[in-house]
Amino acid sequence: MITQKAISLKIDTKLLEDLDAEARLGWKKRNAHINEAIRLYLLIKDKRRFIRLNPSIAYQRQQILELLGELVPESNAIFRS
C-alpha cells in the first residue's frame, strides 16, 4: 500500500541548511523531519482553532497542556505532579 506521495516545494536556503544539520545529528532523514514538522504545524493550528472557539479558561488551559505535551513530552511529568 502506498502511504507517501512525492511533492515539490521551495524552501528557504537557511531553513534547508538547518534541516540538513539536524538530520546529520540523528538517525532521522530529512523527509521524516519534514513530515514531523507538518504534523506539528497542523496540530498547533487545530489547538489554536479549538481555543478560539471555546471561551472556557479551563478548556483553553487543557488544550494548551495537551499541545505542550505533544511538543515537549517531558513536560507531562512536570505538569502532572
N, C-alpha and C. Protein backbone atom coordinates (compact mmCIF):
# COMPACT_ATOMS: atom_id res chain seq x y z
N MET A 1 0.85 -1.17 0.00
CA MET A 1 0.00 0.00 0.00
C MET A 1 0.89 1.24 0.00
N ILE A 2 0.57 2.17 -0.84
CA ILE A 2 1.33 3.42 -0.93
C ILE A 2 0.86 4.36 0.18
N THR A 3 1.80 4.81 1.01
CA THR A 3 1.46 5.71 2.11
C THR A 3 2.12 7.07 1.98
N GLN A 4 2.88 7.26 0.91
CA GLN A 4 3.54 8.54 0.72
C GLN A 4 3.30 9.03 -0.70
N LYS A 5 3.45 10.33 -0.87
CA LYS A 5 3.30 10.93 -2.19
C LYS A 5 4.41 11.95 -2.37
N ALA A 6 5.07 11.91 -3.50
CA ALA A 6 6.14 12.85 -3.79
C ALA A 6 5.55 14.23 -4.05
N ILE A 7 6.18 15.25 -3.47
CA ILE A 7 5.77 16.63 -3.72
C ILE A 7 7.03 17.44 -4.01
N SER A 8 6.83 18.63 -4.48
CA SER A 8 7.93 19.55 -4.72
C SER A 8 7.63 20.82 -3.95
N LEU A 9 8.65 21.40 -3.36
CA LEU A 9 8.43 22.65 -2.64
C LEU A 9 9.68 23.52 -2.72
N LYS A 10 9.46 24.78 -2.48
CA LYS A 10 10.57 25.71 -2.38
C LYS A 10 10.77 26.00 -0.91
N ILE A 11 12.00 25.90 -0.45
CA ILE A 11 12.30 26.11 0.96
C ILE A 11 13.41 27.14 1.08
N ASP A 12 13.29 27.98 2.07
CA ASP A 12 14.31 28.98 2.34
C ASP A 12 15.66 28.29 2.51
N THR A 13 16.69 28.84 1.91
CA THR A 13 18.02 28.23 1.93
C THR A 13 18.52 28.00 3.35
N LYS A 14 18.35 28.96 4.22
CA LYS A 14 18.81 28.83 5.61
C LYS A 14 18.04 27.73 6.33
N LEU A 15 16.72 27.64 6.09
CA LEU A 15 15.94 26.56 6.70
C LEU A 15 16.44 25.19 6.23
N LEU A 16 16.75 25.09 4.95
CA LEU A 16 17.25 23.82 4.43
C LEU A 16 18.60 23.46 5.05
N GLU A 17 19.45 24.45 5.21
CA GLU A 17 20.74 24.20 5.87
C GLU A 17 20.53 23.71 7.31
N ASP A 18 19.62 24.37 8.03
CA ASP A 18 19.33 23.97 9.41
C ASP A 18 18.72 22.57 9.45
N LEU A 19 17.83 22.28 8.51
CA LEU A 19 17.20 20.95 8.45
C LEU A 19 18.25 19.88 8.17
N ASP A 20 19.13 20.13 7.23
CA ASP A 20 20.18 19.16 6.93
C ASP A 20 21.12 18.96 8.12
N ALA A 21 21.42 20.03 8.83
CA ALA A 21 22.26 19.92 10.03
C ALA A 21 21.56 19.06 11.08
N GLU A 22 20.27 19.26 11.26
CA GLU A 22 19.50 18.45 12.22
C GLU A 22 19.48 16.98 11.79
N ALA A 23 19.30 16.73 10.51
CA ALA A 23 19.28 15.35 10.01
C ALA A 23 20.63 14.66 10.23
N ARG A 24 21.71 15.41 10.14
CA ARG A 24 23.04 14.82 10.37
C ARG A 24 23.27 14.46 11.83
N LEU A 25 22.53 15.10 12.75
CA LEU A 25 22.72 14.84 14.17
C LEU A 25 22.14 13.51 14.64
N GLY A 26 21.18 12.99 13.91
CA GLY A 26 20.49 11.79 14.39
C GLY A 26 20.28 10.78 13.29
N TRP A 27 19.34 9.88 13.54
CA TRP A 27 19.08 8.80 12.59
C TRP A 27 17.95 9.11 11.64
N LYS A 28 17.21 10.19 11.88
CA LYS A 28 16.09 10.55 11.01
C LYS A 28 16.58 11.25 9.75
N LYS A 29 15.96 10.90 8.64
CA LYS A 29 16.29 11.56 7.38
C LYS A 29 15.48 12.86 7.25
N ARG A 30 15.86 13.64 6.28
CA ARG A 30 15.22 14.94 6.04
C ARG A 30 13.70 14.77 5.89
N ASN A 31 13.26 13.78 5.14
CA ASN A 31 11.84 13.57 4.90
C ASN A 31 11.08 13.34 6.21
N ALA A 32 11.65 12.58 7.13
CA ALA A 32 11.00 12.31 8.42
C ALA A 32 10.84 13.61 9.21
N HIS A 33 11.83 14.45 9.16
CA HIS A 33 11.76 15.74 9.87
C HIS A 33 10.67 16.63 9.25
N ILE A 34 10.57 16.63 7.92
CA ILE A 34 9.56 17.44 7.24
C ILE A 34 8.16 16.94 7.60
N ASN A 35 7.97 15.62 7.60
CA ASN A 35 6.67 15.06 7.98
C ASN A 35 6.30 15.41 9.41
N GLU A 36 7.26 15.33 10.31
CA GLU A 36 7.01 15.68 11.72
C GLU A 36 6.67 17.16 11.86
N ALA A 37 7.36 18.01 11.12
CA ALA A 37 7.09 19.45 11.17
C ALA A 37 5.67 19.76 10.68
N ILE A 38 5.25 19.11 9.63
CA ILE A 38 3.90 19.33 9.11
C ILE A 38 2.86 18.83 10.10
N ARG A 39 3.10 17.67 10.71
CA ARG A 39 2.18 17.13 11.71
C ARG A 39 2.02 18.09 12.87
N LEU A 40 3.14 18.62 13.37
CA LEU A 40 3.09 19.55 14.49
C LEU A 40 2.43 20.87 14.09
N TYR A 41 2.70 21.34 12.90
CA TYR A 41 2.07 22.58 12.41
C TYR A 41 0.55 22.43 12.40
N LEU A 42 0.07 21.31 11.87
CA LEU A 42 -1.38 21.08 11.81
C LEU A 42 -1.98 20.92 13.20
N LEU A 43 -1.25 20.29 14.10
CA LEU A 43 -1.71 20.15 15.48
C LEU A 43 -1.85 21.52 16.14
N ILE A 44 -0.86 22.37 15.96
CA ILE A 44 -0.91 23.72 16.53
C ILE A 44 -2.08 24.51 15.95
N LYS A 45 -2.28 24.42 14.63
CA LYS A 45 -3.40 25.13 14.01
C LYS A 45 -4.73 24.66 14.60
N ASP A 46 -4.90 23.35 14.78
CA ASP A 46 -6.13 22.81 15.37
C ASP A 46 -6.33 23.30 16.79
N LYS A 47 -5.29 23.22 17.61
CA LYS A 47 -5.42 23.64 19.01
C LYS A 47 -5.77 25.12 19.10
N ARG A 48 -5.15 25.95 18.28
CA ARG A 48 -5.46 27.38 18.29
C ARG A 48 -6.91 27.62 17.90
N ARG A 49 -7.39 26.85 16.92
CA ARG A 49 -8.79 26.97 16.48
C ARG A 49 -9.73 26.57 17.62
N PHE A 50 -9.45 25.45 18.27
CA PHE A 50 -10.28 24.99 19.39
C PHE A 50 -10.29 26.02 20.52
N ILE A 51 -9.15 26.59 20.82
CA ILE A 51 -9.06 27.59 21.90
C ILE A 51 -9.87 28.83 21.56
N ARG A 52 -9.78 29.30 20.32
CA ARG A 52 -10.55 30.49 19.92
C ARG A 52 -12.05 30.25 19.97
N LEU A 53 -12.48 29.04 19.70
CA LEU A 53 -13.91 28.74 19.64
C LEU A 53 -14.55 28.48 20.99
N ASN A 54 -13.74 28.22 22.01
CA ASN A 54 -14.30 27.90 23.32
C ASN A 54 -13.79 28.90 24.36
N PRO A 55 -14.68 29.71 24.94
CA PRO A 55 -14.25 30.75 25.88
C PRO A 55 -13.88 30.22 27.28
N SER A 56 -14.13 28.95 27.56
CA SER A 56 -13.83 28.41 28.88
C SER A 56 -12.32 28.39 29.14
N ILE A 57 -11.90 29.06 30.19
CA ILE A 57 -10.48 29.09 30.55
C ILE A 57 -9.98 27.69 30.86
N ALA A 58 -10.79 26.89 31.54
CA ALA A 58 -10.39 25.52 31.87
C ALA A 58 -10.15 24.71 30.60
N TYR A 59 -11.03 24.86 29.62
CA TYR A 59 -10.88 24.15 28.35
C TYR A 59 -9.63 24.64 27.62
N GLN A 60 -9.43 25.94 27.59
CA GLN A 60 -8.26 26.50 26.91
C GLN A 60 -6.97 26.01 27.57
N ARG A 61 -6.96 25.99 28.89
CA ARG A 61 -5.79 25.50 29.63
C ARG A 61 -5.51 24.04 29.27
N GLN A 62 -6.57 23.23 29.21
CA GLN A 62 -6.41 21.82 28.87
C GLN A 62 -5.83 21.66 27.46
N GLN A 63 -6.33 22.45 26.52
CA GLN A 63 -5.83 22.38 25.15
C GLN A 63 -4.34 22.76 25.09
N ILE A 64 -3.98 23.79 25.83
CA ILE A 64 -2.58 24.23 25.85
C ILE A 64 -1.69 23.16 26.47
N LEU A 65 -2.14 22.54 27.55
CA LEU A 65 -1.34 21.49 28.19
C LEU A 65 -1.20 20.28 27.27
N GLU A 66 -2.26 19.94 26.54
CA GLU A 66 -2.18 18.84 25.58
C GLU A 66 -1.19 19.16 24.48
N LEU A 67 -1.23 20.39 23.99
CA LEU A 67 -0.30 20.81 22.95
C LEU A 67 1.14 20.77 23.47
N LEU A 68 1.34 21.30 24.65
CA LEU A 68 2.68 21.29 25.24
C LEU A 68 3.18 19.85 25.40
N GLY A 69 2.28 18.95 25.81
CA GLY A 69 2.65 17.55 25.95
C GLY A 69 3.08 16.92 24.63
N GLU A 70 2.46 17.34 23.53
CA GLU A 70 2.85 16.84 22.21
C GLU A 70 4.19 17.43 21.77
N LEU A 71 4.37 18.73 22.02
CA LEU A 71 5.59 19.40 21.57
C LEU A 71 6.79 19.04 22.43
N VAL A 72 6.56 18.93 23.74
CA VAL A 72 7.63 18.64 24.70
C VAL A 72 7.13 17.54 25.64
N PRO A 73 7.23 16.28 25.23
CA PRO A 73 6.69 15.19 26.05
C PRO A 73 7.22 15.18 27.48
N GLU A 74 8.42 15.66 27.69
CA GLU A 74 8.99 15.69 29.04
C GLU A 74 8.20 16.60 29.98
N SER A 75 7.44 17.53 29.41
CA SER A 75 6.66 18.45 30.24
C SER A 75 5.49 17.76 30.94
N ASN A 76 5.06 16.61 30.43
CA ASN A 76 3.94 15.90 31.06
C ASN A 76 4.21 15.59 32.53
N ALA A 77 5.42 15.16 32.84
CA ALA A 77 5.77 14.83 34.22
C ALA A 77 5.75 16.08 35.10
N ILE A 78 6.13 17.20 34.55
CA ILE A 78 6.18 18.45 35.32
C ILE A 78 4.78 18.91 35.70
N PHE A 79 3.85 18.88 34.75
CA PHE A 79 2.51 19.41 35.00
C PHE A 79 1.58 18.42 35.66
N ARG A 80 1.96 17.16 35.74
CA ARG A 80 1.12 16.17 36.40
C ARG A 80 1.46 16.03 37.88
N SER A 81 2.57 16.62 38.30
CA SER A 81 2.97 16.49 39.71
C SER A 81 2.36 17.58 40.56
